[in-house]
C-alpha atoms as a PDB file:
ATOM      1  CA  MET A   1       9.973  -5.802  -0.316  1.00  0.00           C
ATOM      2  CA  GLN A   2      11.194  -3.022  -2.598  1.00  0.00           C
ATOM      3  CA  VAL A   3       9.669   0.466  -2.809  1.00  0.00           C
ATOM      4  CA  ILE A   4       9.521   1.358  -6.526  1.00  0.00           C
ATOM      5  CA  SER A   5       8.185   4.903  -6.069  1.00  0.00           C
ATOM      6  CA  GLN A   6       6.819   6.952  -3.202  1.00  0.00           C
ATOM      7  CA  THR A   7       5.044  10.252  -2.570  1.00  0.00           C
ATOM      8  CA  GLU A   8       3.759  11.724   0.677  1.00  0.00           C
ATOM      9  CA  ASN A   9       0.777   9.361   0.895  1.00  0.00           C
ATOM     10  CA  LYS A  10       1.268   6.671  -1.791  1.00  0.00           C
ATOM     11  CA  ALA A  11       3.870   4.076  -2.661  1.00  0.00           C
ATOM     12  CA  VAL A  12       4.301   1.388  -5.300  1.00  0.00           C
ATOM     13  CA  VAL A  13       5.851  -1.741  -3.828  1.00  0.00           C
ATOM     14  CA  LEU A  14       7.290  -4.899  -5.357  1.00  0.00           C
ATOM     15  CA  TYR A  15       6.831  -7.886  -3.045  1.00  0.00           C
ATOM     16  CA  ASN A  16       7.117 -11.574  -4.003  1.00  0.00           C
ATOM     17  CA  ASN A  17       7.146 -10.649  -7.724  1.00  0.00           C
ATOM     18  CA  LYS A  18       3.839  -8.728  -7.433  1.00  0.00           C
ATOM     19  CA  PHE A  19       3.242  -4.992  -7.491  1.00  0.00           C
ATOM     20  CA  TYR A  20       1.070  -3.195  -4.960  1.00  0.00           C
ATOM     21  CA  LEU A  21      -0.152   0.355  -4.464  1.00  0.00           C
ATOM     22  CA  VAL A  22      -0.070   1.358  -0.787  1.00  0.00           C
ATOM     23  CA  SER A  23      -2.281   4.377  -0.138  1.00  0.00           C
ATOM     24  CA  GLN A  24      -2.733   6.433   3.034  1.00  0.00           C
ATOM     25  CA  SER A  25      -5.924   8.446   3.426  1.00  0.00           C
ATOM     26  CA  SER A  26      -7.380  10.585   6.179  1.00  0.00           C
ATOM     27  CA  ARG A  27     -10.713  11.282   4.454  1.00  0.00           C
ATOM     28  CA  PHE A  28     -12.708   9.137   6.908  1.00  0.00           C
ATOM     29  CA  GLY A  29     -10.047   8.860   9.615  1.00  0.00           C
ATOM     30  CA  LEU A  30      -6.493   7.688   9.123  1.00  0.00           C
ATOM     31  CA  GLU A  31      -6.125   4.416   7.215  1.00  0.00           C
ATOM     32  CA  THR A  32      -3.577   2.882   4.889  1.00  0.00           C
ATOM     33  CA  LEU A  33      -4.715   0.258   2.383  1.00  0.00           C
ATOM     34  CA  ILE A  34      -2.900  -2.053  -0.044  1.00  0.00           C
ATOM     35  CA  PHE A  35      -4.190  -2.806  -3.555  1.00  0.00           C
ATOM     36  CA  ASN A  36      -2.944  -5.023  -6.395  1.00  0.00           C
ATOM     37  CA  SER A  37      -1.429  -2.863  -9.124  1.00  0.00           C
ATOM     38  CA  ASP A  38       1.009  -2.792 -12.013  1.00  0.00           C
ATOM     39  CA  SER A  39       4.547  -1.397 -11.847  1.00  0.00           C
ATOM     40  CA  GLN A  40       3.228   2.136 -12.419  1.00  0.00           C
ATOM     41  CA  GLY A  41       0.745   1.950  -9.526  1.00  0.00           C
ATOM     42  CA  ASN A  42      -2.346   1.512 -11.705  1.00  0.00           C
ATOM     43  CA  VAL A  43      -4.759  -0.482  -9.544  1.00  0.00           C
ATOM     44  CA  SER A  44      -6.092  -3.654 -11.158  1.00  0.00           C
ATOM     45  CA  ASP A  45      -8.753  -4.341  -8.503  1.00  0.00           C
ATOM     46  CA  TRP A  46     -10.042  -1.879  -5.895  1.00  0.00           C
ATOM     47  CA  ILE A  47     -10.678  -4.605  -3.317  1.00  0.00           C
ATOM     48  CA  ASP A  48      -7.970  -4.066  -0.716  1.00  0.00           C
ATOM     49  CA  VAL A  49      -5.557  -6.924  -0.050  1.00  0.00           C
ATOM     50  CA  GLY A  50      -4.142  -5.447   3.147  1.00  0.00           C
ATOM     51  CA  GLY A  51      -3.825  -2.429   5.376  1.00  0.00           C
ATOM     52  CA  GLU A  52      -5.258  -1.142   8.610  1.00  0.00           C
ATOM     53  CA  ASN A  53      -7.081   1.772  10.233  1.00  0.00           C
ATOM     54  CA  MET A  54      -5.086   4.267  12.302  1.00  0.00           C
ATOM     55  CA  THR A  55      -1.874   3.243  10.522  1.00  0.00           C
ATOM     56  CA  THR A  56       0.466   5.439   8.484  1.00  0.00           C
ATOM     57  CA  LEU A  57       2.100   4.732   5.158  1.00  0.00           C
ATOM     58  CA  GLY A  58       5.472   4.564   6.902  1.00  0.00           C
ATOM     59  CA  GLU A  59       4.260   1.937   9.359  1.00  0.00           C
ATOM     60  CA  VAL A  60       2.904  -0.260   6.571  1.00  0.00           C
ATOM     61  CA  LEU A  61       6.086   0.078   4.514  1.00  0.00           C
ATOM     62  CA  ALA A  62       8.245  -0.767   7.534  1.00  0.00           C
ATOM     63  CA  ASN A  63       6.383  -4.071   8.092  1.00  0.00           C
ATOM     64  CA  PHE A  64       4.739  -4.688   4.724  1.00  0.00           C
ATOM     65  CA  SER A  65       4.179  -8.444   4.996  1.00  0.00           C
ATOM     66  CA  ASP A  66       2.467  -8.036   8.384  1.00  0.00           C
ATOM     67  CA  TYR A  67      -0.230  -5.855   6.788  1.00  0.00           C
ATOM     68  CA  LEU A  68      -1.161  -8.188   3.900  1.00  0.00           C
ATOM     69  CA  TYR A  69      -4.361 -10.159   4.493  1.00  0.00           C
END
């Protein structure tokens, strides 16, 4: 897993030759979700492919493969 870019609550990740946007939100309680994207972080489908409630961006990045569905 390689982090391509990262801000405080978003990251673009390259994993197994696919790009993903990892996004942390606290709008409805803390959750971090993973979406398919391109290399710039533009989401191609807003159906999440991973993530978890009550989990930070850092936790997901530290164990990325564990959080993919």
